[in-house]
Amino acid sequence: MQDILEKAARIRLVIFDVDGVLTDGSLFIGDDGQEYKAFYSRDGHGMKMLQASGVEIGIITGRTSEVVRLRMESLGIRHVYQGRMEKLPAFEDLLAASGVLAEEVAYVGDDIMDLPVMRRAGLAVAVQDAHALVKKHSHWITPNPGGRGAGRDICELVMEAQGTLDTQLAHYLR
């Protein structure tokens, strides 16, 4: 675990996949073609605390969805790359846009299309219910599954490693 904390201490940017990471992977599509996703509110609050502690957040997802745009906008996340089935070019664009080095990035994924980015990131994270190959190539596996706390897990790990978690939690203990 010490090795994981050392990697997490260097993180300046956490990139999340969406389906299967920030959601449980279910896709709800209405008769009108409208797509619905359920996001876990605690993950969102973890992301807000992480940003408040000085770590940037990005999204790279293979699907394109208005609900993702709206949710990320509500969380103040400005690095959002949708419709990117090949995620490595978006990763390279995000590195250039943010000025962050690959070793300063944590990438959180759940399926095989996340592997090219996970293999480049300084901290590769698989959600608890990720594909077996994704788990095999990760540095750390979240205690919680995708869409049920995995996002919060990585946010708190990074804040703990960087010594900012207690400060973020102190706001609620006054």
N, C-alpha and C. Protein backbone atom coordinates (compact mmCIF):
# COMPACT_ATOMS: atom_id res chain seq x y z
N MET A 1 0.83 -1.21 0.00
CA MET A 1 0.00 0.00 0.00
C MET A 1 0.86 1.26 0.00
N GLN A 2 2.04 1.18 0.58
CA GLN A 2 2.92 2.35 0.62
C GLN A 2 3.27 2.83 -0.79
N ASP A 3 3.51 1.87 -1.70
CA ASP A 3 3.81 2.21 -3.08
C ASP A 3 2.64 2.97 -3.72
N ILE A 4 1.42 2.54 -3.42
CA ILE A 4 0.23 3.19 -3.97
C ILE A 4 0.12 4.62 -3.44
N LEU A 5 0.35 4.79 -2.15
CA LEU A 5 0.29 6.13 -1.55
C LEU A 5 1.36 7.05 -2.13
N GLU A 6 2.53 6.50 -2.42
CA GLU A 6 3.59 7.31 -3.03
C GLU A 6 3.18 7.75 -4.44
N LYS A 7 2.59 6.85 -5.19
CA LYS A 7 2.10 7.21 -6.54
C LYS A 7 0.99 8.27 -6.42
N ALA A 8 0.06 8.06 -5.49
CA ALA A 8 -1.07 8.98 -5.31
C ALA A 8 -0.61 10.36 -4.85
N ALA A 9 0.47 10.42 -4.13
CA ALA A 9 0.98 11.71 -3.64
C ALA A 9 1.44 12.60 -4.80
N ARG A 10 1.79 12.00 -5.93
CA ARG A 10 2.28 12.76 -7.09
C ARG A 10 1.18 13.18 -8.06
N ILE A 11 -0.06 12.77 -7.81
CA ILE A 11 -1.15 12.98 -8.77
C ILE A 11 -1.60 14.44 -8.79
N ARG A 12 -1.68 14.99 -10.00
CA ARG A 12 -2.19 16.35 -10.21
C ARG A 12 -3.48 16.36 -11.02
N LEU A 13 -3.81 15.19 -11.62
CA LEU A 13 -4.99 15.07 -12.45
C LEU A 13 -5.54 13.65 -12.32
N VAL A 14 -6.84 13.54 -12.03
CA VAL A 14 -7.50 12.24 -12.02
C VAL A 14 -8.47 12.23 -13.19
N ILE A 15 -8.34 11.20 -14.03
CA ILE A 15 -9.22 11.05 -15.19
C ILE A 15 -10.13 9.85 -14.94
N PHE A 16 -11.42 10.06 -15.15
CA PHE A 16 -12.42 9.02 -14.97
C PHE A 16 -13.04 8.63 -16.30
N ASP A 17 -13.26 7.33 -16.49
CA ASP A 17 -14.20 6.85 -17.48
C ASP A 17 -15.58 7.11 -16.85
N VAL A 18 -16.63 7.00 -17.60
CA VAL A 18 -17.97 7.24 -17.05
C VAL A 18 -18.73 5.93 -16.84
N ASP A 19 -19.13 5.26 -17.92
CA ASP A 19 -19.97 4.06 -17.80
C ASP A 19 -19.19 2.93 -17.15
N GLY A 20 -19.67 2.48 -16.01
CA GLY A 20 -19.01 1.43 -15.26
C GLY A 20 -18.06 1.95 -14.20
N VAL A 21 -17.80 3.25 -14.21
CA VAL A 21 -16.92 3.87 -13.21
C VAL A 21 -17.71 4.88 -12.38
N LEU A 22 -18.23 5.91 -13.03
CA LEU A 22 -19.06 6.89 -12.33
C LEU A 22 -20.53 6.48 -12.35
N THR A 23 -20.85 5.47 -13.15
CA THR A 23 -22.18 4.84 -13.11
C THR A 23 -21.94 3.35 -12.92
N ASP A 24 -23.01 2.60 -12.69
CA ASP A 24 -22.83 1.15 -12.53
C ASP A 24 -22.75 0.44 -13.88
N GLY A 25 -22.75 1.20 -14.95
CA GLY A 25 -22.64 0.63 -16.28
C GLY A 25 -23.98 0.40 -16.96
N SER A 26 -25.07 0.54 -16.23
CA SER A 26 -26.40 0.38 -16.83
C SER A 26 -26.70 1.56 -17.74
N LEU A 27 -27.33 1.27 -18.86
CA LEU A 27 -27.78 2.32 -19.77
C LEU A 27 -29.29 2.23 -19.86
N PHE A 28 -29.96 3.31 -19.51
CA PHE A 28 -31.42 3.37 -19.59
C PHE A 28 -31.76 4.25 -20.78
N ILE A 29 -32.49 3.69 -21.72
CA ILE A 29 -32.86 4.44 -22.92
C ILE A 29 -34.38 4.40 -23.04
N GLY A 30 -34.98 5.60 -23.04
CA GLY A 30 -36.43 5.70 -23.12
C GLY A 30 -36.93 5.47 -24.54
N ASP A 31 -38.26 5.32 -24.67
CA ASP A 31 -38.88 5.13 -25.98
C ASP A 31 -38.56 6.26 -26.94
N ASP A 32 -38.29 7.44 -26.38
CA ASP A 32 -37.97 8.60 -27.21
C ASP A 32 -36.49 8.67 -27.59
N GLY A 33 -35.71 7.67 -27.16
CA GLY A 33 -34.29 7.64 -27.47
C GLY A 33 -33.43 8.38 -26.45
N GLN A 34 -34.06 9.02 -25.49
CA GLN A 34 -33.32 9.75 -24.45
C GLN A 34 -32.58 8.76 -23.56
N GLU A 35 -31.32 9.07 -23.31
CA GLU A 35 -30.48 8.21 -22.47
C GLU A 35 -30.44 8.73 -21.05
N TYR A 36 -30.52 7.83 -20.10
CA TYR A 36 -30.47 8.18 -18.68
C TYR A 36 -29.36 7.40 -18.01
N LYS A 37 -28.70 8.03 -17.06
CA LYS A 37 -27.66 7.39 -16.27
C LYS A 37 -27.86 7.80 -14.82
N ALA A 38 -27.48 6.93 -13.91
CA ALA A 38 -27.54 7.25 -12.49
C ALA A 38 -26.13 7.45 -11.97
N PHE A 39 -25.88 8.62 -11.42
CA PHE A 39 -24.59 8.94 -10.82
C PHE A 39 -24.73 8.88 -9.30
N TYR A 40 -23.70 8.43 -8.63
CA TYR A 40 -23.69 8.30 -7.17
C TYR A 40 -23.27 9.64 -6.57
N SER A 41 -24.13 10.24 -5.76
CA SER A 41 -23.86 11.59 -5.27
C SER A 41 -22.59 11.68 -4.44
N ARG A 42 -22.24 10.63 -3.72
CA ARG A 42 -21.01 10.69 -2.91
C ARG A 42 -19.76 10.76 -3.79
N ASP A 43 -19.82 10.11 -4.96
CA ASP A 43 -18.70 10.24 -5.89
C ASP A 43 -18.54 11.70 -6.31
N GLY A 44 -19.65 12.33 -6.63
CA GLY A 44 -19.62 13.74 -7.04
C GLY A 44 -19.06 14.63 -5.97
N HIS A 45 -19.44 14.38 -4.72
CA HIS A 45 -18.91 15.23 -3.65
C HIS A 45 -17.42 14.98 -3.44
N GLY A 46 -17.00 13.74 -3.60
CA GLY A 46 -15.56 13.44 -3.53
C GLY A 46 -14.80 14.19 -4.60
N MET A 47 -15.38 14.27 -5.79
CA MET A 47 -14.74 14.98 -6.89
C MET A 47 -14.64 16.47 -6.60
N LYS A 48 -15.67 17.01 -5.98
CA LYS A 48 -15.63 18.44 -5.60
C LYS A 48 -14.54 18.69 -4.55
N MET A 49 -14.45 17.80 -3.56
CA MET A 49 -13.41 17.96 -2.53
C MET A 49 -12.02 17.82 -3.15
N LEU A 50 -11.85 16.89 -4.06
CA LEU A 50 -10.55 16.70 -4.70
C LEU A 50 -10.15 17.95 -5.47
N GLN A 51 -11.10 18.52 -6.22
CA GLN A 51 -10.81 19.76 -6.94
C GLN A 51 -10.47 20.89 -5.97
N ALA A 52 -11.18 20.97 -4.86
CA ALA A 52 -10.91 22.01 -3.86
C ALA A 52 -9.53 21.84 -3.24
N SER A 53 -9.01 20.63 -3.27
CA SER A 53 -7.68 20.38 -2.71
C SER A 53 -6.57 20.65 -3.73
N GLY A 54 -6.96 21.03 -4.96
CA GLY A 54 -5.97 21.42 -5.96
C GLY A 54 -5.68 20.40 -7.04
N VAL A 55 -6.41 19.30 -7.07
CA VAL A 55 -6.20 18.28 -8.09
C VAL A 55 -7.29 18.44 -9.17
N GLU A 56 -6.86 18.46 -10.43
CA GLU A 56 -7.81 18.60 -11.53
C GLU A 56 -8.48 17.27 -11.84
N ILE A 57 -9.63 17.35 -12.48
CA ILE A 57 -10.36 16.15 -12.88
C ILE A 57 -10.69 16.24 -14.36
N GLY A 58 -10.59 15.10 -15.01
CA GLY A 58 -10.96 14.99 -16.42
C GLY A 58 -11.83 13.77 -16.64
N ILE A 59 -12.53 13.78 -17.75
CA ILE A 59 -13.41 12.68 -18.15
C ILE A 59 -13.04 12.27 -19.57
N ILE A 60 -12.87 10.96 -19.78
CA ILE A 60 -12.73 10.43 -21.13
C ILE A 60 -13.69 9.25 -21.23
N THR A 61 -14.67 9.38 -22.11
CA THR A 61 -15.68 8.34 -22.24
C THR A 61 -15.94 8.01 -23.70
N GLY A 62 -16.23 6.77 -23.94
CA GLY A 62 -16.48 6.32 -25.31
C GLY A 62 -17.83 6.75 -25.86
N ARG A 63 -18.79 6.95 -24.98
CA ARG A 63 -20.14 7.33 -25.40
C ARG A 63 -20.27 8.86 -25.35
N THR A 64 -21.27 9.36 -26.04
CA THR A 64 -21.60 10.79 -26.00
C THR A 64 -23.00 10.91 -25.43
N SER A 65 -23.13 11.74 -24.41
CA SER A 65 -24.41 11.87 -23.73
C SER A 65 -24.56 13.27 -23.14
N GLU A 66 -25.73 13.83 -23.35
CA GLU A 66 -26.04 15.14 -22.77
C GLU A 66 -26.04 15.08 -21.25
N VAL A 67 -26.48 13.96 -20.69
CA VAL A 67 -26.52 13.85 -19.23
C VAL A 67 -25.11 13.90 -18.64
N VAL A 68 -24.12 13.35 -19.35
CA VAL A 68 -22.74 13.43 -18.87
C VAL A 68 -22.28 14.88 -18.90
N ARG A 69 -22.58 15.58 -19.99
CA ARG A 69 -22.19 17.00 -20.08
C ARG A 69 -22.79 17.79 -18.92
N LEU A 70 -24.08 17.57 -18.66
CA LEU A 70 -24.75 18.30 -17.59
C LEU A 70 -24.17 17.96 -16.21
N ARG A 71 -23.92 16.67 -15.97
CA ARG A 71 -23.38 16.27 -14.66
C ARG A 71 -21.98 16.83 -14.45
N MET A 72 -21.14 16.78 -15.45
CA MET A 72 -19.78 17.29 -15.30
C MET A 72 -19.77 18.81 -15.16
N GLU A 73 -20.67 19.46 -15.87
CA GLU A 73 -20.81 20.91 -15.73
C GLU A 73 -21.21 21.26 -14.30
N SER A 74 -22.13 20.49 -13.72
CA SER A 74 -22.57 20.76 -12.34
C SER A 74 -21.46 20.54 -11.33
N LEU A 75 -20.48 19.72 -11.68
CA LEU A 75 -19.35 19.46 -10.78
C LEU A 75 -18.16 20.39 -11.07
N GLY A 76 -18.29 21.24 -12.07
CA GLY A 76 -17.21 22.16 -12.40
C GLY A 76 -16.04 21.50 -13.12
N ILE A 77 -16.30 20.41 -13.79
CA ILE A 77 -15.24 19.69 -14.51
C ILE A 77 -15.20 20.20 -15.94
N ARG A 78 -14.07 20.76 -16.32
CA ARG A 78 -13.96 21.39 -17.64
C ARG A 78 -13.28 20.52 -18.69
N HIS A 79 -12.54 19.50 -18.26
CA HIS A 79 -11.88 18.59 -19.20
C HIS A 79 -12.78 17.39 -19.46
N VAL A 80 -13.66 17.50 -20.44
CA VAL A 80 -14.62 16.44 -20.74
C VAL A 80 -14.47 16.03 -22.20
N TYR A 81 -14.08 14.78 -22.41
CA TYR A 81 -13.89 14.23 -23.74
C TYR A 81 -14.89 13.10 -23.92
N GLN A 82 -15.90 13.31 -24.75
CA GLN A 82 -16.93 12.30 -25.01
C GLN A 82 -16.78 11.75 -26.43
N GLY A 83 -17.35 10.56 -26.64
CA GLY A 83 -17.32 9.94 -27.95
C GLY A 83 -15.93 9.49 -28.36
N ARG A 84 -15.12 9.10 -27.39
CA ARG A 84 -13.74 8.72 -27.64
C ARG A 84 -13.53 7.23 -27.37
N MET A 85 -13.90 6.39 -28.32
CA MET A 85 -13.70 4.95 -28.16
C MET A 85 -12.21 4.62 -28.07
N GLU A 86 -11.40 5.36 -28.82
CA GLU A 86 -9.94 5.26 -28.67
C GLU A 86 -9.54 6.38 -27.73
N LYS A 87 -9.22 6.00 -26.51
CA LYS A 87 -9.04 6.99 -25.46
C LYS A 87 -7.63 7.59 -25.39
N LEU A 88 -6.65 6.91 -25.96
CA LEU A 88 -5.28 7.40 -25.86
C LEU A 88 -5.08 8.78 -26.51
N PRO A 89 -5.64 9.05 -27.70
CA PRO A 89 -5.50 10.40 -28.26
C PRO A 89 -6.13 11.48 -27.36
N ALA A 90 -7.27 11.17 -26.74
CA ALA A 90 -7.88 12.13 -25.81
C ALA A 90 -6.99 12.34 -24.59
N PHE A 91 -6.37 11.27 -24.11
CA PHE A 91 -5.43 11.36 -22.99
C PHE A 91 -4.28 12.30 -23.35
N GLU A 92 -3.72 12.13 -24.55
CA GLU A 92 -2.61 12.99 -25.00
C GLU A 92 -3.08 14.45 -25.09
N ASP A 93 -4.28 14.68 -25.62
CA ASP A 93 -4.83 16.04 -25.69
C ASP A 93 -4.99 16.63 -24.29
N LEU A 94 -5.46 15.83 -23.37
CA LEU A 94 -5.68 16.29 -22.00
C LEU A 94 -4.36 16.63 -21.31
N LEU A 95 -3.34 15.82 -21.54
CA LEU A 95 -2.02 16.13 -20.98
C LEU A 95 -1.53 17.48 -21.50
N ALA A 96 -1.67 17.70 -22.80
CA ALA A 96 -1.24 18.96 -23.40
C ALA A 96 -2.04 20.14 -22.86
N ALA A 97 -3.35 19.97 -22.72
CA ALA A 97 -4.22 21.06 -22.25
C ALA A 97 -3.96 21.41 -20.79
N SER A 98 -3.60 20.42 -19.99
CA SER A 98 -3.44 20.65 -18.55
C SER A 98 -2.00 20.89 -18.14
N GLY A 99 -1.04 20.55 -19.01
CA GLY A 99 0.37 20.72 -18.66
C GLY A 99 0.85 19.70 -17.63
N VAL A 100 0.13 18.60 -17.50
CA VAL A 100 0.45 17.56 -16.54
C VAL A 100 1.19 16.43 -17.25
N LEU A 101 2.15 15.82 -16.57
CA LEU A 101 2.87 14.68 -17.12
C LEU A 101 2.10 13.39 -16.87
N ALA A 102 2.29 12.39 -17.72
CA ALA A 102 1.56 11.12 -17.59
C ALA A 102 1.73 10.50 -16.20
N GLU A 103 2.92 10.61 -15.63
CA GLU A 103 3.15 10.03 -14.30
C GLU A 103 2.44 10.79 -13.17
N GLU A 104 1.88 11.96 -13.49
CA GLU A 104 1.13 12.75 -12.52
C GLU A 104 -0.38 12.55 -12.67
N VAL A 105 -0.77 11.52 -13.45
CA VAL A 105 -2.17 11.25 -13.74
C VAL A 105 -2.60 9.93 -13.12
N ALA A 106 -3.77 9.93 -12.51
CA ALA A 106 -4.45 8.70 -12.12
C ALA A 106 -5.58 8.51 -13.13
N TYR A 107 -5.73 7.29 -13.65
CA TYR A 107 -6.81 6.99 -14.56
C TYR A 107 -7.64 5.89 -13.95
N VAL A 108 -8.97 6.09 -13.93
CA VAL A 108 -9.88 5.12 -13.32
C VAL A 108 -10.74 4.51 -14.42
N GLY A 109 -10.62 3.19 -14.58
CA GLY A 109 -11.35 2.50 -15.63
C GLY A 109 -11.97 1.20 -15.16
N ASP A 110 -12.75 0.59 -16.07
CA ASP A 110 -13.43 -0.66 -15.73
C ASP A 110 -13.40 -1.70 -16.83
N ASP A 111 -13.07 -1.30 -18.07
CA ASP A 111 -13.17 -2.25 -19.17
C ASP A 111 -11.94 -2.15 -20.07
N ILE A 112 -11.83 -3.08 -20.99
CA ILE A 112 -10.61 -3.22 -21.77
C ILE A 112 -10.24 -2.00 -22.62
N MET A 113 -11.24 -1.20 -23.03
CA MET A 113 -10.90 -0.02 -23.81
C MET A 113 -10.18 1.05 -22.98
N ASP A 114 -10.15 0.86 -21.65
CA ASP A 114 -9.42 1.78 -20.77
C ASP A 114 -7.95 1.42 -20.64
N LEU A 115 -7.57 0.21 -21.06
CA LEU A 115 -6.20 -0.27 -20.84
C LEU A 115 -5.11 0.59 -21.48
N PRO A 116 -5.25 1.08 -22.72
CA PRO A 116 -4.17 1.89 -23.28
C PRO A 116 -3.82 3.11 -22.41
N VAL A 117 -4.82 3.76 -21.85
CA VAL A 117 -4.54 4.92 -20.99
C VAL A 117 -4.03 4.45 -19.63
N MET A 118 -4.63 3.41 -19.08
CA MET A 118 -4.18 2.91 -17.79
C MET A 118 -2.69 2.54 -17.82
N ARG A 119 -2.24 1.99 -18.94
CA ARG A 119 -0.84 1.56 -19.06
C ARG A 119 0.12 2.74 -19.17
N ARG A 120 -0.40 3.93 -19.47
CA ARG A 120 0.43 5.14 -19.55
C ARG A 120 0.39 5.98 -18.27
N ALA A 121 -0.70 5.86 -17.52
CA ALA A 121 -0.90 6.72 -16.35
C ALA A 121 0.03 6.34 -15.20
N GLY A 122 0.36 7.33 -14.39
CA GLY A 122 1.20 7.09 -13.22
C GLY A 122 0.53 6.22 -12.18
N LEU A 123 -0.79 6.30 -12.09
CA LEU A 123 -1.56 5.48 -11.15
C LEU A 123 -2.77 4.94 -11.90
N ALA A 124 -2.75 3.64 -12.21
CA ALA A 124 -3.85 2.98 -12.91
C ALA A 124 -4.77 2.36 -11.87
N VAL A 125 -6.05 2.76 -11.93
CA VAL A 125 -7.02 2.32 -10.94
C VAL A 125 -8.15 1.57 -11.65
N ALA A 126 -8.49 0.41 -11.11
CA ALA A 126 -9.64 -0.36 -11.59
C ALA A 126 -10.71 -0.30 -10.51
N VAL A 127 -11.95 -0.16 -10.94
CA VAL A 127 -13.04 -0.24 -9.97
C VAL A 127 -13.19 -1.70 -9.54
N GLN A 128 -13.79 -1.91 -8.40
CA GLN A 128 -13.88 -3.23 -7.78
C GLN A 128 -14.51 -4.27 -8.71
N ASP A 129 -15.46 -3.88 -9.52
CA ASP A 129 -16.13 -4.84 -10.41
C ASP A 129 -15.66 -4.74 -11.86
N ALA A 130 -14.42 -4.31 -12.06
CA ALA A 130 -13.84 -4.17 -13.40
C ALA A 130 -13.59 -5.54 -14.03
N HIS A 131 -13.40 -5.51 -15.33
CA HIS A 131 -13.00 -6.69 -16.09
C HIS A 131 -11.68 -7.22 -15.50
N ALA A 132 -11.50 -8.54 -15.50
CA ALA A 132 -10.33 -9.17 -14.90
C ALA A 132 -9.01 -8.65 -15.48
N LEU A 133 -8.96 -8.42 -16.78
CA LEU A 133 -7.73 -7.93 -17.40
C LEU A 133 -7.41 -6.50 -16.95
N VAL A 134 -8.43 -5.71 -16.74
CA VAL A 134 -8.24 -4.35 -16.25
C VAL A 134 -7.68 -4.40 -14.82
N LYS A 135 -8.22 -5.27 -14.00
CA LYS A 135 -7.69 -5.42 -12.64
C LYS A 135 -6.23 -5.86 -12.67
N LYS A 136 -5.91 -6.78 -13.58
CA LYS A 136 -4.55 -7.30 -13.68
C LYS A 136 -3.55 -6.19 -14.00
N HIS A 137 -3.98 -5.21 -14.79
CA HIS A 137 -3.07 -4.13 -15.21
C HIS A 137 -3.22 -2.86 -14.38
N SER A 138 -3.88 -2.95 -13.26
CA SER A 138 -4.05 -1.77 -12.40
C SER A 138 -3.03 -1.79 -11.26
N HIS A 139 -2.75 -0.61 -10.74
CA HIS A 139 -1.93 -0.50 -9.54
C HIS A 139 -2.78 -0.68 -8.28
N TRP A 140 -4.04 -0.27 -8.37
CA TRP A 140 -4.93 -0.28 -7.21
C TRP A 140 -6.35 -0.58 -7.66
N ILE A 141 -7.07 -1.32 -6.85
CA ILE A 141 -8.48 -1.64 -7.11
C ILE A 141 -9.32 -1.00 -6.01
N THR A 142 -10.33 -0.25 -6.40
CA THR A 142 -11.16 0.43 -5.40
C THR A 142 -11.94 -0.58 -4.56
N PRO A 143 -12.20 -0.25 -3.30
CA PRO A 143 -13.01 -1.14 -2.46
C PRO A 143 -14.45 -1.25 -2.94
N ASN A 144 -14.95 -0.19 -3.59
CA ASN A 144 -16.36 -0.15 -4.02
C ASN A 144 -16.47 -0.32 -5.54
N PRO A 145 -17.61 -0.82 -5.99
CA PRO A 145 -17.82 -0.98 -7.44
C PRO A 145 -18.11 0.34 -8.14
N GLY A 146 -18.05 0.29 -9.46
CA GLY A 146 -18.38 1.46 -10.27
C GLY A 146 -19.80 1.92 -10.02
N GLY A 147 -19.97 3.24 -9.91
CA GLY A 147 -21.29 3.82 -9.70
C GLY A 147 -21.80 3.67 -8.28
N ARG A 148 -20.99 3.12 -7.38
CA ARG A 148 -21.42 2.90 -5.99
C ARG A 148 -20.30 3.25 -5.01
N GLY A 149 -19.52 4.27 -5.34
CA GLY A 149 -18.50 4.74 -4.41
C GLY A 149 -17.07 4.63 -4.89
N ALA A 150 -16.84 4.01 -6.04
CA ALA A 150 -15.47 3.88 -6.55
C ALA A 150 -14.84 5.25 -6.81
N GLY A 151 -15.63 6.19 -7.33
CA GLY A 151 -15.12 7.54 -7.57
C GLY A 151 -14.67 8.20 -6.28
N ARG A 152 -15.46 8.07 -5.25
CA ARG A 152 -15.11 8.64 -3.95
C ARG A 152 -13.86 7.97 -3.39
N ASP A 153 -13.74 6.63 -3.60
CA ASP A 153 -12.57 5.90 -3.11
C ASP A 153 -11.28 6.51 -3.63
N ILE A 154 -11.19 6.74 -4.95
CA ILE A 154 -9.95 7.26 -5.51
C ILE A 154 -9.72 8.71 -5.08
N CYS A 155 -10.78 9.50 -4.99
CA CYS A 155 -10.62 10.89 -4.54
C CYS A 155 -10.04 10.93 -3.13
N GLU A 156 -10.58 10.11 -2.25
CA GLU A 156 -10.10 10.11 -0.87
C GLU A 156 -8.70 9.52 -0.77
N LEU A 157 -8.37 8.53 -1.59
CA LEU A 157 -7.01 7.99 -1.59
C LEU A 157 -6.00 9.08 -1.95
N VAL A 158 -6.28 9.82 -3.00
CA VAL A 158 -5.35 10.88 -3.44
C VAL A 158 -5.25 11.96 -2.37
N MET A 159 -6.37 12.38 -1.81
CA MET A 159 -6.32 13.41 -0.77
C MET A 159 -5.57 12.91 0.47
N GLU A 160 -5.79 11.67 0.85
CA GLU A 160 -5.07 11.09 1.99
C GLU A 160 -3.57 11.10 1.73
N ALA A 161 -3.17 10.67 0.56
CA ALA A 161 -1.75 10.61 0.20
C ALA A 161 -1.11 11.99 0.16
N GLN A 162 -1.90 13.00 -0.20
CA GLN A 162 -1.38 14.36 -0.32
C GLN A 162 -1.59 15.19 0.95
N GLY A 163 -2.18 14.58 1.97
CA GLY A 163 -2.36 15.27 3.25
C GLY A 163 -3.44 16.33 3.24
N THR A 164 -4.42 16.21 2.33
CA THR A 164 -5.48 17.21 2.23
C THR A 164 -6.85 16.70 2.66
N LEU A 165 -6.97 15.40 2.92
CA LEU A 165 -8.28 14.84 3.24
C LEU A 165 -8.84 15.41 4.55
N ASP A 166 -8.03 15.49 5.58
CA ASP A 166 -8.52 16.01 6.86
C ASP A 166 -9.01 17.45 6.73
N THR A 167 -8.30 18.23 5.94
CA THR A 167 -8.72 19.63 5.73
C THR A 167 -10.07 19.68 5.04
N GLN A 168 -10.27 18.83 4.02
CA GLN A 168 -11.55 18.82 3.31
C GLN A 168 -12.68 18.34 4.22
N LEU A 169 -12.41 17.35 5.05
CA LEU A 169 -13.45 16.83 5.94
C LEU A 169 -13.75 17.76 7.12
N ALA A 170 -12.76 18.57 7.49
CA ALA A 170 -12.91 19.48 8.64
C ALA A 170 -14.06 20.46 8.43
N HIS A 171 -14.38 20.79 7.19
CA HIS A 171 -15.49 21.71 6.90
C HIS A 171 -16.81 21.19 7.47
N TYR A 172 -16.91 19.88 7.62
CA TYR A 172 -18.16 19.26 8.04
C TYR A 172 -18.16 18.88 9.52
N LEU A 173 -17.06 19.16 10.20
CA LEU A 173 -16.94 18.79 11.60
C LEU A 173 -16.92 19.99 12.52
N ARG A 174 -17.30 21.14 12.03
CA ARG A 174 -17.30 22.36 12.85
C ARG A 174 -18.45 22.36 13.82
